[in-house]
Amino acid sequence: MPINLRLNMFNNLIFFDDFIELWIKLKQRGLRFILSKFSFDNNSRTISSFTDHFEHANWWIIPYLKEHRNFLISGNSNMEYEQYVTENYFFESKNRNLISFGCGEGSHELTFAKLNPHLNVLGYDISQSLIDKANTKSTVENIDNVKFYNNDIYKNTP
């Protein structure tokens, strides 16, 4: 293999933008978060991403993109996908289950449960702290057709 090809392969592994992203995550989440990524255990890396509270930095919460996504899904930029799915697919949802793996704090699951009182919603996540938040929300909002469980679906079948 020519030396130029080997150098190009290495150059494509790490980009300048990777250092910018590292700096942002360091400022946003701290050194402990960065160090938690140097583990060979997939579960501990995943759990470390969702253990501490932090402000969102994800593209899907940007208002314009949410409106665009809503329009692509429902044809209406003001209709969230949960409402669209409820009106078009869950209109006869008695005695049905909705199971969500990787539910996090359960915001979508809680919305489905509110929109569909006869639907039994089950949420599973590997992070106990997020499951605790989801259960607290369901209790505070008095939603009794949703349950959240801490479970690693790769090790245990719910």
N, C-alpha and C. Protein backbone atom coordinates (compact mmCIF):
# COMPACT_ATOMS: atom_id res chain seq x y z
N MET A 1 0.86 -1.18 0.00
CA MET A 1 0.00 0.00 0.00
C MET A 1 0.90 1.23 0.00
N PRO A 2 0.68 2.14 -0.93
CA PRO A 2 1.52 3.35 -0.99
C PRO A 2 1.36 4.19 0.27
N ILE A 3 2.43 4.89 0.63
CA ILE A 3 2.42 5.69 1.86
C ILE A 3 1.35 6.78 1.83
N ASN A 4 1.08 7.37 0.67
CA ASN A 4 0.05 8.41 0.59
C ASN A 4 -1.33 7.86 0.93
N LEU A 5 -1.64 6.64 0.48
CA LEU A 5 -2.93 6.04 0.77
C LEU A 5 -3.06 5.78 2.26
N ARG A 6 -1.98 5.29 2.89
CA ARG A 6 -2.02 5.05 4.34
C ARG A 6 -2.22 6.35 5.10
N LEU A 7 -1.56 7.41 4.70
CA LEU A 7 -1.73 8.70 5.37
C LEU A 7 -3.14 9.24 5.18
N ASN A 8 -3.69 9.09 3.99
CA ASN A 8 -5.06 9.54 3.75
C ASN A 8 -6.06 8.76 4.58
N MET A 9 -5.83 7.47 4.76
CA MET A 9 -6.73 6.67 5.59
C MET A 9 -6.69 7.18 7.03
N PHE A 10 -5.50 7.49 7.55
CA PHE A 10 -5.39 8.00 8.91
C PHE A 10 -6.02 9.39 9.00
N ASN A 11 -5.79 10.22 8.01
CA ASN A 11 -6.37 11.57 8.03
C ASN A 11 -7.89 11.54 8.06
N ASN A 12 -8.50 10.52 7.50
CA ASN A 12 -9.95 10.42 7.48
C ASN A 12 -10.53 9.87 8.78
N LEU A 13 -9.69 9.43 9.69
CA LEU A 13 -10.18 8.92 10.97
C LEU A 13 -10.51 10.04 11.94
N ILE A 14 -9.70 11.09 11.94
CA ILE A 14 -9.88 12.22 12.85
C ILE A 14 -9.88 13.50 12.04
N PHE A 15 -10.92 14.29 12.24
CA PHE A 15 -11.05 15.57 11.54
C PHE A 15 -10.93 16.71 12.54
N PHE A 16 -10.67 17.89 12.05
CA PHE A 16 -10.60 19.07 12.91
C PHE A 16 -11.92 19.26 13.65
N ASP A 17 -13.04 18.97 12.97
CA ASP A 17 -14.36 19.10 13.60
C ASP A 17 -14.51 18.18 14.81
N ASP A 18 -13.79 17.06 14.81
CA ASP A 18 -13.84 16.16 15.96
C ASP A 18 -13.28 16.84 17.21
N PHE A 19 -12.24 17.65 17.05
CA PHE A 19 -11.68 18.38 18.18
C PHE A 19 -12.64 19.46 18.66
N ILE A 20 -13.33 20.09 17.74
CA ILE A 20 -14.34 21.09 18.12
C ILE A 20 -15.46 20.42 18.90
N GLU A 21 -15.93 19.28 18.42
CA GLU A 21 -16.99 18.53 19.11
C GLU A 21 -16.52 18.09 20.50
N LEU A 22 -15.28 17.65 20.60
CA LEU A 22 -14.72 17.27 21.89
C LEU A 22 -14.72 18.46 22.85
N TRP A 23 -14.31 19.63 22.38
CA TRP A 23 -14.29 20.83 23.21
C TRP A 23 -15.71 21.20 23.66
N ILE A 24 -16.67 21.11 22.77
CA ILE A 24 -18.06 21.43 23.11
C ILE A 24 -18.57 20.47 24.17
N LYS A 25 -18.35 19.17 23.98
CA LYS A 25 -18.80 18.17 24.96
C LYS A 25 -18.08 18.35 26.30
N LEU A 26 -16.82 18.72 26.25
CA LEU A 26 -16.07 18.97 27.49
C LEU A 26 -16.69 20.14 28.25
N LYS A 27 -17.01 21.22 27.56
CA LYS A 27 -17.63 22.38 28.20
C LYS A 27 -19.05 22.06 28.67
N GLN A 28 -19.75 21.29 27.87
CA GLN A 28 -21.15 20.99 28.14
C GLN A 28 -21.32 19.94 29.24
N ARG A 29 -20.54 18.87 29.19
CA ARG A 29 -20.76 17.73 30.06
C ARG A 29 -19.64 17.47 31.05
N GLY A 30 -18.43 18.01 30.82
CA GLY A 30 -17.33 17.85 31.76
C GLY A 30 -16.38 16.71 31.41
N LEU A 31 -15.25 16.71 32.11
CA LEU A 31 -14.19 15.73 31.86
C LEU A 31 -14.65 14.31 32.20
N ARG A 32 -15.45 14.17 33.25
CA ARG A 32 -15.92 12.84 33.65
C ARG A 32 -16.69 12.17 32.51
N PHE A 33 -17.51 12.94 31.81
CA PHE A 33 -18.26 12.41 30.68
C PHE A 33 -17.32 11.94 29.57
N ILE A 34 -16.32 12.77 29.24
CA ILE A 34 -15.37 12.41 28.19
C ILE A 34 -14.62 11.14 28.56
N LEU A 35 -14.16 11.06 29.80
CA LEU A 35 -13.41 9.87 30.23
C LEU A 35 -14.28 8.62 30.25
N SER A 36 -15.58 8.78 30.47
CA SER A 36 -16.47 7.61 30.49
C SER A 36 -16.57 6.94 29.13
N LYS A 37 -16.18 7.64 28.07
CA LYS A 37 -16.23 7.08 26.72
C LYS A 37 -15.05 6.15 26.42
N PHE A 38 -14.05 6.15 27.30
CA PHE A 38 -12.88 5.29 27.12
C PHE A 38 -13.06 3.98 27.88
N SER A 39 -14.19 3.35 27.65
CA SER A 39 -14.51 2.07 28.27
C SER A 39 -14.81 1.06 27.17
N PHE A 40 -14.43 -0.19 27.39
CA PHE A 40 -14.73 -1.23 26.40
C PHE A 40 -16.12 -1.81 26.61
N ASP A 41 -16.79 -1.41 27.69
CA ASP A 41 -18.12 -1.92 28.00
C ASP A 41 -19.18 -1.02 27.36
N ASN A 42 -19.87 -1.54 26.36
CA ASN A 42 -20.89 -0.75 25.66
C ASN A 42 -21.96 -0.21 26.59
N ASN A 43 -22.41 -1.02 27.54
CA ASN A 43 -23.48 -0.59 28.45
C ASN A 43 -23.04 0.58 29.31
N SER A 44 -21.84 0.54 29.85
CA SER A 44 -21.41 1.64 30.71
C SER A 44 -21.23 2.92 29.90
N ARG A 45 -20.77 2.81 28.65
CA ARG A 45 -20.68 4.01 27.81
C ARG A 45 -22.06 4.60 27.55
N THR A 46 -23.03 3.76 27.27
CA THR A 46 -24.39 4.23 27.00
C THR A 46 -25.00 4.86 28.24
N ILE A 47 -24.89 4.17 29.36
CA ILE A 47 -25.46 4.69 30.61
C ILE A 47 -24.83 6.03 30.97
N SER A 48 -23.52 6.17 30.76
CA SER A 48 -22.85 7.43 31.11
C SER A 48 -23.38 8.60 30.28
N SER A 49 -23.90 8.33 29.10
CA SER A 49 -24.43 9.40 28.26
C SER A 49 -25.72 9.98 28.81
N PHE A 50 -26.45 9.20 29.59
CA PHE A 50 -27.77 9.62 30.02
C PHE A 50 -27.94 9.71 31.53
N THR A 51 -26.85 9.64 32.27
CA THR A 51 -26.94 9.66 33.72
C THR A 51 -27.15 11.07 34.27
N ASP A 52 -26.34 12.00 33.83
CA ASP A 52 -26.43 13.36 34.35
C ASP A 52 -27.33 14.21 33.48
N HIS A 53 -28.01 15.16 34.11
CA HIS A 53 -28.86 16.07 33.35
C HIS A 53 -27.97 17.08 32.62
N PHE A 54 -28.34 17.39 31.41
CA PHE A 54 -27.64 18.41 30.64
C PHE A 54 -28.63 19.02 29.67
N GLU A 55 -28.31 20.19 29.19
CA GLU A 55 -29.16 20.84 28.21
C GLU A 55 -29.02 20.13 26.87
N HIS A 56 -30.12 20.00 26.18
CA HIS A 56 -30.11 19.32 24.89
C HIS A 56 -29.22 20.05 23.90
N ALA A 57 -28.59 19.30 23.05
CA ALA A 57 -27.80 19.85 21.96
C ALA A 57 -28.07 19.02 20.71
N ASN A 58 -29.33 18.70 20.50
CA ASN A 58 -29.69 17.81 19.42
C ASN A 58 -30.50 18.53 18.35
N TRP A 59 -30.29 18.17 17.11
CA TRP A 59 -30.92 18.85 15.99
C TRP A 59 -32.44 18.71 16.00
N TRP A 60 -32.98 17.63 16.52
CA TRP A 60 -34.43 17.39 16.39
C TRP A 60 -35.29 18.27 17.28
N ILE A 61 -34.66 19.06 18.16
CA ILE A 61 -35.46 19.99 18.99
C ILE A 61 -35.50 21.40 18.41
N ILE A 62 -34.83 21.63 17.31
CA ILE A 62 -34.85 22.94 16.66
C ILE A 62 -36.25 23.16 16.09
N PRO A 63 -36.93 24.27 16.46
CA PRO A 63 -38.33 24.47 16.06
C PRO A 63 -38.60 24.31 14.56
N TYR A 64 -37.77 24.90 13.72
CA TYR A 64 -38.02 24.79 12.28
C TYR A 64 -37.94 23.33 11.82
N LEU A 65 -36.97 22.59 12.34
CA LEU A 65 -36.83 21.19 11.95
C LEU A 65 -37.98 20.34 12.48
N LYS A 66 -38.48 20.67 13.69
CA LYS A 66 -39.66 19.97 14.21
C LYS A 66 -40.86 20.20 13.30
N GLU A 67 -41.05 21.45 12.87
CA GLU A 67 -42.17 21.76 11.98
C GLU A 67 -42.02 21.01 10.65
N HIS A 68 -40.81 20.98 10.13
CA HIS A 68 -40.56 20.28 8.87
C HIS A 68 -40.82 18.78 9.02
N ARG A 69 -40.34 18.21 10.11
CA ARG A 69 -40.58 16.78 10.38
C ARG A 69 -42.07 16.51 10.50
N ASN A 70 -42.78 17.37 11.24
CA ASN A 70 -44.23 17.21 11.38
C ASN A 70 -44.91 17.23 10.02
N PHE A 71 -44.49 18.16 9.17
CA PHE A 71 -45.10 18.27 7.84
C PHE A 71 -44.83 17.02 7.01
N LEU A 72 -43.61 16.51 7.07
CA LEU A 72 -43.28 15.31 6.30
C LEU A 72 -44.08 14.10 6.78
N ILE A 73 -44.32 14.01 8.07
CA ILE A 73 -45.04 12.86 8.62
C ILE A 73 -46.55 13.00 8.43
N SER A 74 -47.08 14.17 8.77
CA SER A 74 -48.54 14.31 8.83
C SER A 74 -49.14 15.21 7.75
N GLY A 75 -48.29 15.98 7.06
CA GLY A 75 -48.81 16.95 6.11
C GLY A 75 -49.21 18.25 6.77
N ASN A 76 -49.00 18.35 8.08
CA ASN A 76 -49.36 19.54 8.85
C ASN A 76 -48.18 19.88 9.75
N SER A 77 -47.59 21.05 9.56
CA SER A 77 -46.38 21.41 10.33
C SER A 77 -46.66 21.60 11.81
N ASN A 78 -47.93 21.75 12.20
CA ASN A 78 -48.28 21.95 13.61
C ASN A 78 -48.75 20.68 14.30
N MET A 79 -48.82 19.56 13.59
CA MET A 79 -49.29 18.31 14.18
C MET A 79 -48.11 17.41 14.51
N GLU A 80 -47.91 17.16 15.80
CA GLU A 80 -46.83 16.26 16.22
C GLU A 80 -47.14 14.83 15.77
N TYR A 81 -46.09 14.04 15.62
CA TYR A 81 -46.29 12.70 15.08
C TYR A 81 -47.13 11.83 16.00
N GLU A 82 -47.07 12.04 17.32
CA GLU A 82 -47.88 11.24 18.24
C GLU A 82 -49.37 11.42 17.96
N GLN A 83 -49.76 12.67 17.71
CA GLN A 83 -51.16 12.94 17.40
C GLN A 83 -51.55 12.31 16.06
N TYR A 84 -50.69 12.42 15.07
CA TYR A 84 -50.96 11.84 13.75
C TYR A 84 -51.11 10.32 13.85
N VAL A 85 -50.19 9.67 14.54
CA VAL A 85 -50.27 8.21 14.69
C VAL A 85 -51.53 7.82 15.45
N THR A 86 -51.86 8.58 16.49
CA THR A 86 -53.06 8.29 17.27
C THR A 86 -54.31 8.38 16.40
N GLU A 87 -54.43 9.45 15.64
CA GLU A 87 -55.63 9.66 14.83
C GLU A 87 -55.74 8.68 13.66
N ASN A 88 -54.61 8.22 13.15
CA ASN A 88 -54.64 7.36 11.96
C ASN A 88 -54.43 5.87 12.23
N TYR A 89 -53.84 5.52 13.38
CA TYR A 89 -53.54 4.12 13.62
C TYR A 89 -54.03 3.58 14.96
N PHE A 90 -54.21 4.45 15.94
CA PHE A 90 -54.62 3.99 17.26
C PHE A 90 -56.07 4.33 17.58
N PHE A 91 -56.87 4.61 16.58
CA PHE A 91 -58.24 5.02 16.85
C PHE A 91 -59.05 3.90 17.49
N GLU A 92 -58.66 2.65 17.30
CA GLU A 92 -59.28 1.52 18.00
C GLU A 92 -58.21 0.84 18.84
N SER A 93 -57.75 1.54 19.87
CA SER A 93 -56.58 1.06 20.62
C SER A 93 -56.93 0.35 21.92
N LYS A 94 -58.17 -0.11 22.07
CA LYS A 94 -58.53 -0.80 23.31
C LYS A 94 -57.77 -2.12 23.42
N ASN A 95 -57.27 -2.36 24.62
CA ASN A 95 -56.55 -3.60 24.93
C ASN A 95 -55.34 -3.82 24.03
N ARG A 96 -54.64 -2.77 23.70
CA ARG A 96 -53.43 -2.87 22.91
C ARG A 96 -52.24 -2.37 23.72
N ASN A 97 -51.07 -2.87 23.37
CA ASN A 97 -49.84 -2.46 24.04
C ASN A 97 -48.95 -1.70 23.08
N LEU A 98 -48.31 -0.68 23.59
CA LEU A 98 -47.25 0.02 22.87
C LEU A 98 -46.00 -0.14 23.70
N ILE A 99 -44.97 -0.73 23.13
CA ILE A 99 -43.73 -0.98 23.85
C ILE A 99 -42.64 -0.11 23.23
N SER A 100 -41.92 0.58 24.09
CA SER A 100 -40.86 1.48 23.63
C SER A 100 -39.55 1.10 24.30
N PHE A 101 -38.55 0.79 23.48
CA PHE A 101 -37.23 0.47 23.99
C PHE A 101 -36.33 1.69 23.82
N GLY A 102 -35.64 2.06 24.90
CA GLY A 102 -34.82 3.27 24.87
C GLY A 102 -35.68 4.51 25.05
N CYS A 103 -36.63 4.44 25.98
CA CYS A 103 -37.61 5.51 26.15
C CYS A 103 -37.06 6.75 26.85
N GLY A 104 -35.91 6.64 27.49
CA GLY A 104 -35.36 7.81 28.18
C GLY A 104 -36.29 8.30 29.27
N GLU A 105 -36.57 9.61 29.26
CA GLU A 105 -37.46 10.20 30.26
C GLU A 105 -38.94 9.98 29.94
N GLY A 106 -39.24 9.34 28.83
CA GLY A 106 -40.61 8.94 28.53
C GLY A 106 -41.51 10.01 27.96
N SER A 107 -40.96 11.06 27.38
CA SER A 107 -41.83 12.15 26.92
C SER A 107 -42.78 11.68 25.81
N HIS A 108 -42.31 10.92 24.86
CA HIS A 108 -43.18 10.45 23.77
C HIS A 108 -44.18 9.41 24.30
N GLU A 109 -43.73 8.56 25.18
CA GLU A 109 -44.60 7.53 25.74
C GLU A 109 -45.73 8.16 26.55
N LEU A 110 -45.39 9.19 27.33
CA LEU A 110 -46.41 9.89 28.11
C LEU A 110 -47.43 10.58 27.19
N THR A 111 -46.95 11.14 26.10
CA THR A 111 -47.86 11.78 25.15
C THR A 111 -48.81 10.75 24.54
N PHE A 112 -48.28 9.60 24.14
CA PHE A 112 -49.14 8.54 23.60
C PHE A 112 -50.15 8.07 24.65
N ALA A 113 -49.71 7.93 25.88
CA ALA A 113 -50.61 7.48 26.95
C ALA A 113 -51.73 8.49 27.19
N LYS A 114 -51.40 9.79 27.16
CA LYS A 114 -52.43 10.82 27.34
C LYS A 114 -53.42 10.83 26.18
N LEU A 115 -52.91 10.69 24.97
CA LEU A 115 -53.77 10.73 23.78
C LEU A 115 -54.63 9.48 23.64
N ASN A 116 -54.18 8.38 24.23
CA ASN A 116 -54.84 7.07 24.09
C ASN A 116 -55.07 6.44 25.45
N PRO A 117 -56.09 6.85 26.18
CA PRO A 117 -56.27 6.33 27.54
C PRO A 117 -56.51 4.82 27.63
N HIS A 118 -56.91 4.19 26.52
CA HIS A 118 -57.14 2.74 26.53
C HIS A 118 -55.92 1.95 26.07
N LEU A 119 -54.84 2.65 25.74
CA LEU A 119 -53.61 2.02 25.29
C LEU A 119 -52.72 1.77 26.51
N ASN A 120 -52.13 0.59 26.58
CA ASN A 120 -51.20 0.25 27.65
C ASN A 120 -49.78 0.51 27.13
N VAL A 121 -49.10 1.52 27.69
CA VAL A 121 -47.78 1.93 27.20
C VAL A 121 -46.72 1.44 28.18
N LEU A 122 -45.72 0.74 27.63
CA LEU A 122 -44.60 0.23 28.43
C LEU A 122 -43.31 0.82 27.88
N GLY A 123 -42.53 1.45 28.74
CA GLY A 123 -41.26 2.03 28.34
C GLY A 123 -40.10 1.36 29.05
N TYR A 124 -39.06 1.05 28.31
CA TYR A 124 -37.86 0.41 28.86
C TYR A 124 -36.63 1.24 28.52
N ASP A 125 -35.74 1.37 29.50
CA ASP A 125 -34.48 2.06 29.25
C ASP A 125 -33.41 1.49 30.15
N ILE A 126 -32.18 1.60 29.71
CA ILE A 126 -31.05 1.05 30.46
C ILE A 126 -30.63 1.98 31.61
N SER A 127 -31.03 3.25 31.55
CA SER A 127 -30.63 4.22 32.56
C SER A 127 -31.68 4.33 33.67
N GLN A 128 -31.30 3.93 34.87
CA GLN A 128 -32.22 4.00 36.01
C GLN A 128 -32.63 5.43 36.31
N SER A 129 -31.70 6.38 36.18
CA SER A 129 -32.04 7.77 36.49
C SER A 129 -33.10 8.31 35.54
N LEU A 130 -33.05 7.94 34.26
CA LEU A 130 -34.08 8.39 33.32
C LEU A 130 -35.41 7.71 33.59
N ILE A 131 -35.38 6.44 33.96
CA ILE A 131 -36.61 5.73 34.31
C ILE A 131 -37.25 6.36 35.54
N ASP A 132 -36.43 6.75 36.52
CA ASP A 132 -36.97 7.42 37.71
C ASP A 132 -37.67 8.72 37.33
N LYS A 133 -37.07 9.49 36.42
CA LYS A 133 -37.70 10.74 35.95
C LYS A 133 -39.01 10.46 35.23
N ALA A 134 -39.02 9.42 34.39
CA ALA A 134 -40.23 9.07 33.65
C ALA A 134 -41.35 8.66 34.60
N ASN A 135 -41.02 7.83 35.60
CA ASN A 135 -42.04 7.41 36.56
C ASN A 135 -42.55 8.58 37.39
N THR A 136 -41.66 9.50 37.74
CA THR A 136 -42.09 10.70 38.48
C THR A 136 -43.05 11.53 37.64
N LYS A 137 -42.73 11.72 36.37
CA LYS A 137 -43.62 12.48 35.48
C LYS A 137 -44.98 11.83 35.37
N SER A 138 -45.01 10.50 35.22
CA SER A 138 -46.31 9.82 35.08
C SER A 138 -47.13 9.93 36.36
N THR A 139 -46.47 9.93 37.51
CA THR A 139 -47.17 10.10 38.78
C THR A 139 -47.69 11.52 38.93
N VAL A 140 -46.84 12.50 38.67
CA VAL A 140 -47.22 13.91 38.79
C VAL A 140 -48.38 14.24 37.85
N GLU A 141 -48.31 13.72 36.62
CA GLU A 141 -49.35 14.00 35.63
C GLU A 141 -50.55 13.06 35.76
N ASN A 142 -50.50 12.15 36.72
CA ASN A 142 -51.59 11.21 37.01
C ASN A 142 -51.98 10.39 35.77
N ILE A 143 -50.97 9.84 35.12
CA ILE A 143 -51.20 9.00 33.94
C ILE A 143 -50.98 7.56 34.38
N ASP A 144 -52.05 6.78 34.39
CA ASP A 144 -51.93 5.42 34.93
C ASP A 144 -51.85 4.32 33.88
N ASN A 145 -51.88 4.67 32.60
CA ASN A 145 -51.78 3.64 31.57
C ASN A 145 -50.37 3.57 30.95
N VAL A 146 -49.39 4.07 31.69
CA VAL A 146 -48.01 3.99 31.24
C VAL A 146 -47.14 3.50 32.41
N LYS A 147 -46.22 2.62 32.11
CA LYS A 147 -45.28 2.09 33.11
C LYS A 147 -43.88 2.11 32.51
N PHE A 148 -42.91 2.45 33.34
CA PHE A 148 -41.52 2.53 32.89
C PHE A 148 -40.67 1.56 33.70
N TYR A 149 -39.76 0.87 33.00
CA TYR A 149 -38.92 -0.14 33.64
C TYR A 149 -37.46 0.05 33.25
N ASN A 150 -36.59 -0.16 34.22
CA ASN A 150 -35.16 -0.17 33.97
C ASN A 150 -34.80 -1.59 33.55
N ASN A 151 -34.30 -1.72 32.32
CA ASN A 151 -34.00 -3.05 31.82
C ASN A 151 -33.01 -2.95 30.66
N ASP A 152 -32.07 -3.85 30.61
CA ASP A 152 -31.16 -3.96 29.49
C ASP A 152 -31.75 -5.04 28.58
N ILE A 153 -32.34 -4.62 27.47
CA ILE A 153 -33.05 -5.57 26.60
C ILE A 153 -32.13 -6.57 25.94
N TYR A 154 -30.82 -6.29 25.93
CA TYR A 154 -29.89 -7.25 25.35
C TYR A 154 -29.60 -8.39 26.31
N LYS A 155 -29.82 -8.17 27.60
CA LYS A 155 -29.57 -9.21 28.59
C LYS A 155 -30.85 -9.88 29.08
N ASN A 156 -31.93 -9.09 29.16
CA ASN A 156 -33.19 -9.59 29.70
C ASN A 156 -34.32 -9.29 28.72
N THR A 157 -35.18 -10.23 28.55
CA THR A 157 -36.37 -9.98 27.74
C THR A 157 -37.44 -9.45 28.67
N PRO A 158 -38.01 -8.28 28.33
CA PRO A 158 -39.04 -7.70 29.20
C PRO A 158 -40.27 -8.58 29.30
